Amino acid sequence: MLTNYERETIITFNEAETDCEIYTYNQKLINKLSKLCATHSDIYKLVNDDNYGGLTFRFPKKNLRLNFRIPMSESRKKAVAEHLEYARSKIGAKSIANCSESTVGDVTEDG
């Protein structure tokens, strides 16, 4: 059995080829790529199983997206939190409990 340190994910691509490969032990990534292989078998391919839990997938590198997040400053976090609190208070004021029967309409089994 491999340690968590040994259970790595490696993304490989180069400038000459159009495909990339992902070798991974990460179960969430394996699940996502396996579903893509099942639904889009013309694009996503399972190319190797190392029999230790690691799988290698190949697909066009144009389908690969890496997202590097920029950390938010404390002042930005505070501004976002204040905005969300304000938005939630507005939504709460319009809750369905405040609706009258005439605005909800008559609901019957027949629709």
Protein backbone atom coordinates (compact mmCIF):
# COMPACT_ATOMS: atom_id res chain seq x y z
CA MET A 1 0.00 0.00 0.00
CA LEU A 2 1.30 3.42 -0.93
CA THR A 3 1.61 6.32 1.50
CA ASN A 4 -0.29 9.56 0.87
CA TYR A 5 3.03 11.13 -0.10
CA GLU A 6 3.50 8.49 -2.81
CA ARG A 7 -0.07 8.88 -4.12
CA GLU A 8 0.74 11.72 -6.49
CA THR A 9 -0.85 13.44 -9.45
CA ILE A 10 1.27 14.29 -12.46
CA ILE A 11 0.04 16.41 -15.38
CA THR A 12 2.21 16.07 -18.48
CA PHE A 13 2.10 17.99 -21.76
CA ASN A 14 4.54 19.58 -24.16
CA GLU A 15 4.50 22.15 -26.93
CA ALA A 16 4.86 19.59 -29.75
CA GLU A 17 1.80 17.41 -29.05
CA THR A 18 -1.87 18.26 -28.85
CA ASP A 19 -2.69 15.80 -26.04
CA CYS A 20 -1.90 15.86 -22.35
CA GLU A 21 -1.79 13.05 -19.80
CA ILE A 22 -2.84 12.98 -16.18
CA TYR A 23 -1.46 10.23 -13.95
CA THR A 24 -3.28 10.30 -10.61
CA TYR A 25 -4.27 8.50 -7.44
CA ASN A 26 -6.70 11.30 -6.47
CA GLN A 27 -10.12 9.65 -6.24
CA LYS A 28 -12.13 12.79 -7.05
CA LEU A 29 -10.06 13.37 -10.18
CA ILE A 30 -10.27 9.68 -11.14
CA ASN A 31 -14.07 9.79 -10.78
CA LYS A 32 -14.37 12.93 -12.87
CA LEU A 33 -12.08 11.69 -15.64
CA SER A 34 -13.69 8.23 -15.65
CA LYS A 35 -17.12 9.82 -16.16
CA LEU A 36 -15.71 11.88 -19.02
CA CYS A 37 -14.24 8.69 -20.54
CA ALA A 38 -17.67 7.06 -20.35
CA THR A 39 -19.61 10.00 -21.79
CA HIS A 40 -17.01 11.31 -24.27
CA SER A 41 -14.95 8.26 -25.19
CA ASP A 42 -13.89 9.87 -28.46
CA ILE A 43 -12.03 12.61 -26.51
CA TYR A 44 -11.08 11.20 -23.08
CA LYS A 45 -9.16 7.91 -22.85
CA LEU A 46 -8.02 5.75 -19.95
CA VAL A 47 -4.58 4.62 -21.15
CA ASN A 48 -3.04 2.88 -18.14
CA ASP A 49 -3.86 1.30 -14.77
CA ASP A 50 -0.79 0.72 -12.60
CA ASN A 51 -2.65 -1.87 -10.44
CA TYR A 52 -1.84 0.16 -7.28
CA GLY A 53 -4.74 2.60 -7.68
CA GLY A 54 -3.09 5.03 -10.07
CA LEU A 55 -4.67 5.68 -13.46
CA THR A 56 -3.40 7.54 -16.53
CA PHE A 57 -5.81 9.46 -18.74
CA ARG A 58 -5.13 11.13 -22.11
CA PHE A 59 -7.13 13.93 -23.72
CA PRO A 60 -6.56 17.08 -25.79
CA LYS A 61 -4.65 19.68 -23.80
CA LYS A 62 -7.08 22.35 -25.02
CA ASN A 63 -9.60 20.70 -22.63
CA LEU A 64 -7.28 21.10 -19.64
CA ARG A 65 -7.96 24.09 -17.38
CA LEU A 66 -5.76 25.14 -14.49
CA ASN A 67 -7.12 27.75 -12.11
CA PHE A 68 -4.66 29.64 -9.92
CA ARG A 69 -6.47 31.75 -7.36
CA ILE A 70 -5.18 35.07 -6.12
CA PRO A 71 -5.59 35.37 -2.34
CA MET A 72 -8.11 38.01 -1.20
CA SER A 73 -6.95 40.81 1.04
CA GLU A 74 -8.64 41.16 4.43
CA SER A 75 -10.36 44.36 3.29
CA ARG A 76 -11.72 42.61 0.19
CA LYS A 77 -12.96 39.65 2.29
CA LYS A 78 -14.76 42.11 4.59
CA ALA A 79 -16.37 43.91 1.63
CA VAL A 80 -17.57 40.61 0.12
CA ALA A 81 -18.96 39.46 3.48
CA GLU A 82 -20.84 42.75 3.91
CA HIS A 83 -22.27 42.47 0.39
CA LEU A 84 -23.43 38.89 1.01
CA GLU A 85 -25.02 39.86 4.32
CA TYR A 86 -26.90 42.70 2.59
CA ALA A 87 -28.03 40.42 -0.28
CA ARG A 88 -29.20 37.72 2.14
CA SER A 89 -31.19 40.24 4.15
CA LYS A 90 -32.99 41.34 0.97
CA ILE A 91 -33.80 37.74 0.02
CA GLY A 92 -35.06 37.02 3.54
CA ALA A 93 -37.45 39.98 3.33
CA LYS A 94 -39.09 38.41 0.29
CA SER A 95 -39.53 34.93 1.77
CA ILE A 96 -42.47 32.83 0.63
CA ALA A 97 -43.91 32.95 4.16
CA ASN A 98 -44.79 36.59 3.50
CA CYS A 99 -46.72 35.78 0.28
CA SER A 100 -50.48 35.99 0.35
CA GLU A 101 -52.68 33.18 -0.93
CA SER A 102 -53.59 35.20 -4.03
CA THR A 103 -49.96 35.59 -5.08
CA VAL A 104 -49.20 31.88 -4.61
CA GLY A 105 -52.26 30.73 -6.55
CA ASP A 106 -54.47 27.69 -6.22
CA VAL A 107 -52.59 24.42 -6.35
CA THR A 108 -54.62 21.26 -6.95
CA GLU A 109 -53.71 17.67 -7.71
CA ASP A 110 -54.69 18.19 -11.34
CA GLY A 111 -52.18 21.02 -11.71
